[in-house]
């Protein structure tokens, strides 16, 4: 599901990213995914602008894929701070 962008992967760096930003829990659950939906809706303007910037021809990243990549990056960068 993560590959298709239907749901985030919930790997180590994604989990660290959502925990750092206090967006949702680290576990894959309906409640966690719904919190991500709420987060996306709260920041819709900025996230949709970012998503449009990643568009290639007729292909646009799914909304959950955008969140997956963004929180993964935050988690990864957090792991580099020692």
PDB file of N, CA and C in Angstrom:
ATOM      1  N   UNK A   1       0.827  -1.197   0.000  1.00  0.00           N
ATOM      2  CA  UNK A   1       0.000   0.000   0.000  1.00  0.00           C
ATOM      3  C   UNK A   1       0.864   1.250   0.000  1.00  0.00           C
ATOM      4  N   UNK A   2       2.027   1.182   0.654  1.00  0.00           N
ATOM      5  CA  UNK A   2       2.924   2.327   0.640  1.00  0.00           C
ATOM      6  C   UNK A   2       3.468   2.608  -0.749  1.00  0.00           C
ATOM      7  N   UNK A   3       3.729   1.564  -1.511  1.00  0.00           N
ATOM      8  CA  UNK A   3       4.252   1.720  -2.864  1.00  0.00           C
ATOM      9  C   UNK A   3       3.271   2.456  -3.760  1.00  0.00           C
ATOM     10  N   UNK A   4       1.996   2.200  -3.585  1.00  0.00           N
ATOM     11  CA  UNK A   4       0.964   2.849  -4.387  1.00  0.00           C
ATOM     12  C   UNK A   4       0.559   4.208  -3.829  1.00  0.00           C
ATOM     13  N   UNK A   5       1.018   4.543  -2.634  1.00  0.00           N
ATOM     14  CA  UNK A   5       0.670   5.819  -2.037  1.00  0.00           C
ATOM     15  C   UNK A   5      -0.678   5.832  -1.354  1.00  0.00           C
ATOM     16  N   UNK A   6      -1.252   4.643  -1.127  1.00  0.00           N
ATOM     17  CA  UNK A   6      -2.553   4.559  -0.458  1.00  0.00           C
ATOM     18  C   UNK A   6      -2.429   4.829   1.040  1.00  0.00           C
ATOM     19  N   UNK A   7      -1.296   4.439   1.587  1.00  0.00           N
ATOM     20  CA  UNK A   7      -1.036   4.618   3.018  1.00  0.00           C
ATOM     21  C   UNK A   7       0.468   4.776   3.204  1.00  0.00           C
ATOM     22  N   UNK A   8       0.901   5.522   4.212  1.00  0.00           N
ATOM     23  CA  UNK A   8       2.330   5.622   4.488  1.00  0.00           C
ATOM     24  C   UNK A   8       2.905   4.255   4.855  1.00  0.00           C
ATOM     25  N   UNK A   9       4.200   4.117   4.722  1.00  0.00           N
ATOM     26  CA  UNK A   9       4.859   2.845   4.977  1.00  0.00           C
ATOM     27  C   UNK A   9       4.984   2.544   6.472  1.00  0.00           C
ATOM     28  N   UNK A  10       5.030   3.556   7.305  1.00  0.00           N
ATOM     29  CA  UNK A  10       5.199   3.402   8.753  1.00  0.00           C
ATOM     30  C   UNK A  10       6.513   2.689   9.076  1.00  0.00           C
ATOM     31  N   UNK A  11       7.557   3.052   8.340  1.00  0.00           N
ATOM     32  CA  UNK A  11       8.883   2.534   8.657  1.00  0.00           C
ATOM     33  C   UNK A  11       9.513   3.404   9.741  1.00  0.00           C
ATOM     34  N   UNK A  12      10.739   3.088  10.092  1.00  0.00           N
ATOM     35  CA  UNK A  12      11.407   3.762  11.209  1.00  0.00           C
ATOM     36  C   UNK A  12      11.438   5.283  11.046  1.00  0.00           C
ATOM     37  N   UNK A  13      11.867   5.761   9.895  1.00  0.00           N
ATOM     38  CA  UNK A  13      12.017   7.210   9.720  1.00  0.00           C
ATOM     39  C   UNK A  13      10.666   7.920   9.641  1.00  0.00           C
ATOM     40  N   UNK A  14       9.675   7.294   9.019  1.00  0.00           N
ATOM     41  CA  UNK A  14       8.339   7.889   9.009  1.00  0.00           C
ATOM     42  C   UNK A  14       7.814   7.995  10.438  1.00  0.00           C
ATOM     43  N   UNK A  15       7.956   6.925  11.199  1.00  0.00           N
ATOM     44  CA  UNK A  15       7.497   6.931  12.587  1.00  0.00           C
ATOM     45  C   UNK A  15       8.201   8.017  13.395  1.00  0.00           C
ATOM     46  N   UNK A  16       9.504   8.147  13.206  1.00  0.00           N
ATOM     47  CA  UNK A  16      10.256   9.193  13.903  1.00  0.00           C
ATOM     48  C   UNK A  16       9.780  10.576  13.482  1.00  0.00           C
ATOM     49  N   UNK A  17       9.466  10.739  12.196  1.00  0.00           N
ATOM     50  CA  UNK A  17       8.998  12.035  11.691  1.00  0.00           C
ATOM     51  C   UNK A  17       7.659  12.453  12.278  1.00  0.00           C
ATOM     52  N   UNK A  18       6.693  11.530  12.293  1.00  0.00           N
ATOM     53  CA  UNK A  18       5.381  11.893  12.847  1.00  0.00           C
ATOM     54  C   UNK A  18       5.465  12.101  14.352  1.00  0.00           C
ATOM     55  N   UNK A  19       6.373  11.377  15.012  1.00  0.00           N
ATOM     56  CA  UNK A  19       6.546  11.569  16.456  1.00  0.00           C
ATOM     57  C   UNK A  19       7.193  12.926  16.732  1.00  0.00           C
ATOM     58  N   UNK A  20       8.183  13.290  15.933  1.00  0.00           N
ATOM     59  CA  UNK A  20       8.857  14.583  16.100  1.00  0.00           C
ATOM     60  C   UNK A  20       7.867  15.735  15.929  1.00  0.00           C
ATOM     61  N   UNK A  21       6.997  15.611  14.943  1.00  0.00           N
ATOM     62  CA  UNK A  21       6.017  16.669  14.648  1.00  0.00           C
ATOM     63  C   UNK A  21       4.732  16.530  15.450  1.00  0.00           C
ATOM     64  N   UNK A  22       4.631  15.449  16.220  1.00  0.00           N
ATOM     65  CA  UNK A  22       3.448  15.194  17.050  1.00  0.00           C
ATOM     66  C   UNK A  22       2.158  15.218  16.233  1.00  0.00           C
ATOM     67  N   UNK A  23       2.198  14.535  15.078  1.00  0.00           N
ATOM     68  CA  UNK A  23       1.046  14.505  14.184  1.00  0.00           C
ATOM     69  C   UNK A  23       0.138  13.327  14.479  1.00  0.00           C
ATOM     70  N   UNK A  24       0.718  12.165  14.712  1.00  0.00           N
ATOM     71  CA  UNK A  24      -0.059  10.952  14.950  1.00  0.00           C
ATOM     72  C   UNK A  24       0.808   9.944  15.691  1.00  0.00           C
ATOM     73  N   UNK A  25       0.268   8.766  15.885  1.00  0.00           N
ATOM     74  CA  UNK A  25       1.005   7.717  16.587  1.00  0.00           C
ATOM     75  C   UNK A  25       1.986   7.041  15.640  1.00  0.00           C
ATOM     76  N   UNK A  26       2.870   6.234  16.192  1.00  0.00           N
ATOM     77  CA  UNK A  26       3.850   5.496  15.408  1.00  0.00           C
ATOM     78  C   UNK A  26       3.272   4.216  14.820  1.00  0.00           C
ATOM     79  N   UNK A  27       2.084   3.823  15.244  1.00  0.00           N
ATOM     80  CA  UNK A  27       1.537   2.542  14.789  1.00  0.00           C
ATOM     81  C   UNK A  27       0.553   2.738  13.638  1.00  0.00           C
ATOM     82  N   UNK A  28       0.525   1.749  12.751  1.00  0.00           N
ATOM     83  CA  UNK A  28      -0.421   1.776  11.647  1.00  0.00           C
ATOM     84  C   UNK A  28      -1.787   1.336  12.170  1.00  0.00           C
ATOM     85  N   UNK A  29      -2.718   2.260  12.175  1.00  0.00           N
ATOM     86  CA  UNK A  29      -4.071   1.974  12.637  1.00  0.00           C
ATOM     87  C   UNK A  29      -5.027   2.955  11.959  1.00  0.00           C
ATOM     88  N   UNK A  30      -6.288   2.669  12.027  1.00  0.00           N
ATOM     89  CA  UNK A  30      -7.284   3.564  11.449  1.00  0.00           C
ATOM     90  C   UNK A  30      -7.193   4.950  12.077  1.00  0.00           C
ATOM     91  N   UNK A  31      -7.056   4.999  13.393  1.00  0.00           N
ATOM     92  CA  UNK A  31      -6.962   6.283  14.086  1.00  0.00           C
ATOM     93  C   UNK A  31      -5.746   7.077  13.606  1.00  0.00           C
ATOM     94  N   UNK A  32      -4.637   6.409  13.439  1.00  0.00           N
ATOM     95  CA  UNK A  32      -3.421   7.084  12.992  1.00  0.00           C
ATOM     96  C   UNK A  32      -3.582   7.643  11.581  1.00  0.00           C
ATOM     97  N   UNK A  33      -4.141   6.857  10.687  1.00  0.00           N
ATOM     98  CA  UNK A  33      -4.346   7.312   9.311  1.00  0.00           C
ATOM     99  C   UNK A  33      -5.336   8.474   9.275  1.00  0.00           C
ATOM    100  N   UNK A  34      -6.378   8.411  10.079  1.00  0.00           N
ATOM    101  CA  UNK A  34      -7.348   9.515  10.121  1.00  0.00           C
ATOM    102  C   UNK A  34      -6.714  10.801  10.651  1.00  0.00           C
ATOM    103  N   UNK A  35      -5.777  10.683  11.566  1.00  0.00           N
ATOM    104  CA  UNK A  35      -5.044  11.875  12.042  1.00  0.00           C
ATOM    105  C   UNK A  35      -4.195  12.467  10.922  1.00  0.00           C
ATOM    106  N   UNK A  36      -3.621  11.600  10.089  1.00  0.00           N
ATOM    107  CA  UNK A  36      -2.874  12.096   8.931  1.00  0.00           C
ATOM    108  C   UNK A  36      -3.796  12.818   7.956  1.00  0.00           C
ATOM    109  N   UNK A  37      -4.990  12.289   7.766  1.00  0.00           N
ATOM    110  CA  UNK A  37      -5.979  12.952   6.908  1.00  0.00           C
ATOM    111  C   UNK A  37      -6.310  14.332   7.465  1.00  0.00           C
ATOM    112  N   UNK A  38      -6.531  14.418   8.767  1.00  0.00           N
ATOM    113  CA  UNK A  38      -6.811  15.714   9.398  1.00  0.00           C
ATOM    114  C   UNK A  38      -5.640  16.679   9.198  1.00  0.00           C
ATOM    115  N   UNK A  39      -4.426  16.175   9.375  1.00  0.00           N
ATOM    116  CA  UNK A  39      -3.227  17.006   9.179  1.00  0.00           C
ATOM    117  C   UNK A  39      -3.179  17.525   7.746  1.00  0.00           C
ATOM    118  N   UNK A  40      -3.437  16.650   6.792  1.00  0.00           N
ATOM    119  CA  UNK A  40      -3.411  17.067   5.384  1.00  0.00           C
ATOM    120  C   UNK A  40      -4.458  18.151   5.127  1.00  0.00           C
ATOM    121  N   UNK A  41      -5.643  17.952   5.654  1.00  0.00           N
ATOM    122  CA  UNK A  41      -6.709  18.937   5.443  1.00  0.00           C
ATOM    123  C   UNK A  41      -6.373  20.279   6.086  1.00  0.00           C
ATOM    124  N   UNK A  42      -5.722  20.256   7.245  1.00  0.00           N
ATOM    125  CA  UNK A  42      -5.335  21.502   7.924  1.00  0.00           C
ATOM    126  C   UNK A  42      -4.277  22.271   7.133  1.00  0.00           C
ATOM    127  N   UNK A  43      -3.443  21.561   6.394  1.00  0.00           N
ATOM    128  CA  UNK A  43      -2.334  22.177   5.654  1.00  0.00           C
ATOM    129  C   UNK A  43      -2.507  21.982   4.147  1.00  0.00           C
ATOM    130  N   UNK A  44      -3.745  21.866   3.724  1.00  0.00           N
ATOM    131  CA  UNK A  44      -4.079  21.531   2.344  1.00  0.00           C
ATOM    132  C   UNK A  44      -3.432  22.463   1.318  1.00  0.00           C
ATOM    133  N   UNK A  45      -3.488  23.764   1.529  1.00  0.00           N
ATOM    134  CA  UNK A  45      -2.963  24.713   0.540  1.00  0.00           C
ATOM    135  C   UNK A  45      -1.482  24.476   0.264  1.00  0.00           C
ATOM    136  N   UNK A  46      -0.695  24.389   1.319  1.00  0.00           N
ATOM    137  CA  UNK A  46       0.752  24.205   1.149  1.00  0.00           C
ATOM    138  C   UNK A  46       1.088  22.825   0.604  1.00  0.00           C
ATOM    139  N   UNK A  47       0.397  21.806   1.078  1.00  0.00           N
ATOM    140  CA  UNK A  47       0.695  20.450   0.620  1.00  0.00           C
ATOM    141  C   UNK A  47       0.276  20.240  -0.830  1.00  0.00           C
ATOM    142  N   UNK A  48      -0.842  20.799  -1.219  1.00  0.00           N
ATOM    143  CA  UNK A  48      -1.285  20.669  -2.611  1.00  0.00           C
ATOM    144  C   UNK A  48      -0.342  21.423  -3.554  1.00  0.00           C
ATOM    145  N   UNK A  49       0.167  22.559  -3.120  1.00  0.00           N
ATOM    146  CA  UNK A  49       1.143  23.290  -3.943  1.00  0.00           C
ATOM    147  C   UNK A  49       2.408  22.456  -4.125  1.00  0.00           C
ATOM    148  N   UNK A  50       2.856  21.805  -3.065  1.00  0.00           N
ATOM    149  CA  UNK A  50       4.035  20.939  -3.157  1.00  0.00           C
ATOM    150  C   UNK A  50       3.750  19.760  -4.078  1.00  0.00           C
ATOM    151  N   UNK A  51       2.582  19.200  -3.962  1.00  0.00           N
ATOM    152  CA  UNK A  51       2.206  18.048  -4.771  1.00  0.00           C
ATOM    153  C   UNK A  51       2.150  18.413  -6.254  1.00  0.00           C
ATOM    154  N   UNK A  52       1.595  19.565  -6.567  1.00  0.00           N
ATOM    155  CA  UNK A  52       1.546  20.018  -7.964  1.00  0.00           C
ATOM    156  C   UNK A  52       2.954  20.228  -8.514  1.00  0.00           C
ATOM    157  N   UNK A  53       3.867  20.652  -7.659  1.00  0.00           N
ATOM    158  CA  UNK A  53       5.253  20.860  -8.078  1.00  0.00           C
ATOM    159  C   UNK A  53       5.973  19.570  -8.406  1.00  0.00           C
ATOM    160  N   UNK A  54       5.459  18.454  -7.950  1.00  0.00           N
ATOM    161  CA  UNK A  54       6.065  17.153  -8.229  1.00  0.00           C
ATOM    162  C   UNK A  54       5.394  16.437  -9.398  1.00  0.00           C
ATOM    163  N   UNK A  55       4.444  17.067 -10.011  1.00  0.00           N
ATOM    164  CA  UNK A  55       3.686  16.428 -11.085  1.00  0.00           C
ATOM    165  C   UNK A  55       4.568  16.231 -12.312  1.00  0.00           C
ATOM    166  N   UNK A  56       4.458  15.059 -12.915  1.00  0.00           N
ATOM    167  CA  UNK A  56       5.154  14.730 -14.158  1.00  0.00           C
ATOM    168  C   UNK A  56       4.106  14.312 -15.181  1.00  0.00           C
ATOM    169  N   UNK A  57       3.966  15.102 -16.216  1.00  0.00           N
ATOM    170  CA  UNK A  57       2.941  14.878 -17.235  1.00  0.00           C
ATOM    171  C   UNK A  57       1.590  14.736 -16.546  1.00  0.00           C
ATOM    172  N   UNK A  58       0.927  13.603 -16.670  1.00  0.00           N
ATOM    173  CA  UNK A  58      -0.388  13.413 -16.048  1.00  0.00           C
ATOM    174  C   UNK A  58      -0.299  12.710 -14.699  1.00  0.00           C
ATOM    175  N   UNK A  59       0.909  12.458 -14.221  1.00  0.00           N
ATOM    176  CA  UNK A  59       1.103  11.708 -12.978  1.00  0.00           C
ATOM    177  C   UNK A  59       1.349  12.659 -11.811  1.00  0.00           C
ATOM    178  N   UNK A  60       0.522  12.555 -10.793  1.00  0.00           N
ATOM    179  CA  UNK A  60       0.671  13.337  -9.572  1.00  0.00           C
ATOM    180  C   UNK A  60       0.777  12.369  -8.408  1.00  0.00           C
ATOM    181  N   UNK A  61       1.713  12.636  -7.499  1.00  0.00           N
ATOM    182  CA  UNK A  61       1.838  11.784  -6.322  1.00  0.00           C
ATOM    183  C   UNK A  61       0.543  11.794  -5.515  1.00  0.00           C
ATOM    184  N   UNK A  62       0.112  10.646  -4.987  1.00  0.00           N
ATOM    185  CA  UNK A  62      -1.046  10.627  -4.081  1.00  0.00           C
ATOM    186  C   UNK A  62      -0.741  11.407  -2.801  1.00  0.00           C
ATOM    187  N   UNK A  63      -1.778  11.883  -2.150  1.00  0.00           N
ATOM    188  CA  UNK A  63      -1.608  12.695  -0.946  1.00  0.00           C
ATOM    189  C   UNK A  63      -0.845  11.951   0.148  1.00  0.00           C
ATOM    190  N   UNK A  64      -1.173  10.695   0.370  1.00  0.00           N
ATOM    191  CA  UNK A  64      -0.490   9.937   1.427  1.00  0.00           C
ATOM    192  C   UNK A  64       0.971   9.685   1.084  1.00  0.00           C
ATOM    193  N   UNK A  65       1.292   9.570  -0.208  1.00  0.00           N
ATOM    194  CA  UNK A  65       2.687   9.404  -0.609  1.00  0.00           C
ATOM    195  C   UNK A  65       3.473  10.661  -0.272  1.00  0.00           C
ATOM    196  N   UNK A  66       2.867  11.817  -0.472  1.00  0.00           N
ATOM    197  CA  UNK A  66       3.521  13.079  -0.128  1.00  0.00           C
ATOM    198  C   UNK A  66       3.811  13.135   1.368  1.00  0.00           C
ATOM    199  N   UNK A  67       2.831  12.767   2.191  1.00  0.00           N
ATOM    200  CA  UNK A  67       3.055  12.747   3.640  1.00  0.00           C
ATOM    201  C   UNK A  67       4.121  11.725   4.009  1.00  0.00           C
ATOM    202  N   UNK A  68       4.095  10.572   3.381  1.00  0.00           N
ATOM    203  CA  UNK A  68       5.082   9.528   3.642  1.00  0.00           C
ATOM    204  C   UNK A  68       6.491  10.056   3.378  1.00  0.00           C
ATOM    205  N   UNK A  69       6.688  10.682   2.230  1.00  0.00           N
ATOM    206  CA  UNK A  69       8.016  11.196   1.879  1.00  0.00           C
ATOM    207  C   UNK A  69       8.445  12.325   2.813  1.00  0.00           C
ATOM    208  N   UNK A  70       7.518  13.211   3.132  1.00  0.00           N
ATOM    209  CA  UNK A  70       7.857  14.347   3.987  1.00  0.00           C
ATOM    210  C   UNK A  70       8.225  13.941   5.401  1.00  0.00           C
ATOM    211  N   UNK A  71       7.407  13.109   6.019  1.00  0.00           N
ATOM    212  CA  UNK A  71       7.714  12.689   7.392  1.00  0.00           C
ATOM    213  C   UNK A  71       8.921  11.749   7.433  1.00  0.00           C
ATOM    214  N   UNK A  72       9.130  10.973   6.368  1.00  0.00           N
ATOM    215  CA  UNK A  72      10.326  10.137   6.286  1.00  0.00           C
ATOM    216  C   UNK A  72      11.564  11.031   6.313  1.00  0.00           C
ATOM    217  N   UNK A  73      11.532  12.111   5.537  1.00  0.00           N
ATOM    218  CA  UNK A  73      12.679  13.030   5.486  1.00  0.00           C
ATOM    219  C   UNK A  73      12.938  13.661   6.845  1.00  0.00           C
ATOM    220  N   UNK A  74      11.892  14.066   7.535  1.00  0.00           N
ATOM    221  CA  UNK A  74      12.053  14.645   8.874  1.00  0.00           C
ATOM    222  C   UNK A  74      12.658  13.619   9.816  1.00  0.00           C
ATOM    223  N   UNK A  75      12.154  12.398   9.777  1.00  0.00           N
ATOM    224  CA  UNK A  75      12.701  11.335  10.632  1.00  0.00           C
ATOM    225  C   UNK A  75      14.150  11.030  10.313  1.00  0.00           C
ATOM    226  N   UNK A  76      14.481  11.010   9.032  1.00  0.00           N
ATOM    227  CA  UNK A  76      15.861  10.747   8.614  1.00  0.00           C
ATOM    228  C   UNK A  76      16.791  11.852   9.113  1.00  0.00           C
ATOM    229  N   UNK A  77      16.397  13.100   8.905  1.00  0.00           N
ATOM    230  CA  UNK A  77      17.229  14.232   9.334  1.00  0.00           C
ATOM    231  C   UNK A  77      17.378  14.255  10.851  1.00  0.00           C
ATOM    232  N   UNK A  78      16.338  13.877  11.568  1.00  0.00           N
ATOM    233  CA  UNK A  78      16.405  13.818  13.018  1.00  0.00           C
ATOM    234  C   UNK A  78      17.419  12.769  13.478  1.00  0.00           C
ATOM    235  N   UNK A  79      17.527  11.675  12.730  1.00  0.00           N
ATOM    236  CA  UNK A  79      18.454  10.596  13.106  1.00  0.00           C
ATOM    237  C   UNK A  79      19.908  11.016  12.922  1.00  0.00           C
ATOM    238  N   UNK A  80      20.155  12.031  12.114  1.00  0.00           N
ATOM    239  CA  UNK A  80      21.524  12.487  11.861  1.00  0.00           C
ATOM    240  C   UNK A  80      22.054  13.394  12.968  1.00  0.00           C
ATOM    241  N   UNK A  81      21.161  13.941  13.762  1.00  0.00           N
ATOM    242  CA  UNK A  81      21.550  14.846  14.852  1.00  0.00           C
ATOM    243  C   UNK A  81      22.046  13.996  16.012  1.00  0.00           C
ATOM    244  N   UNK A  82      23.292  14.185  16.360  1.00  0.00           N
ATOM    245  CA  UNK A  82      23.888  13.395  17.442  1.00  0.00           C
ATOM    246  C   UNK A  82      24.306  14.288  18.577  1.00  0.00           C
TER     247      UNK A  82
END
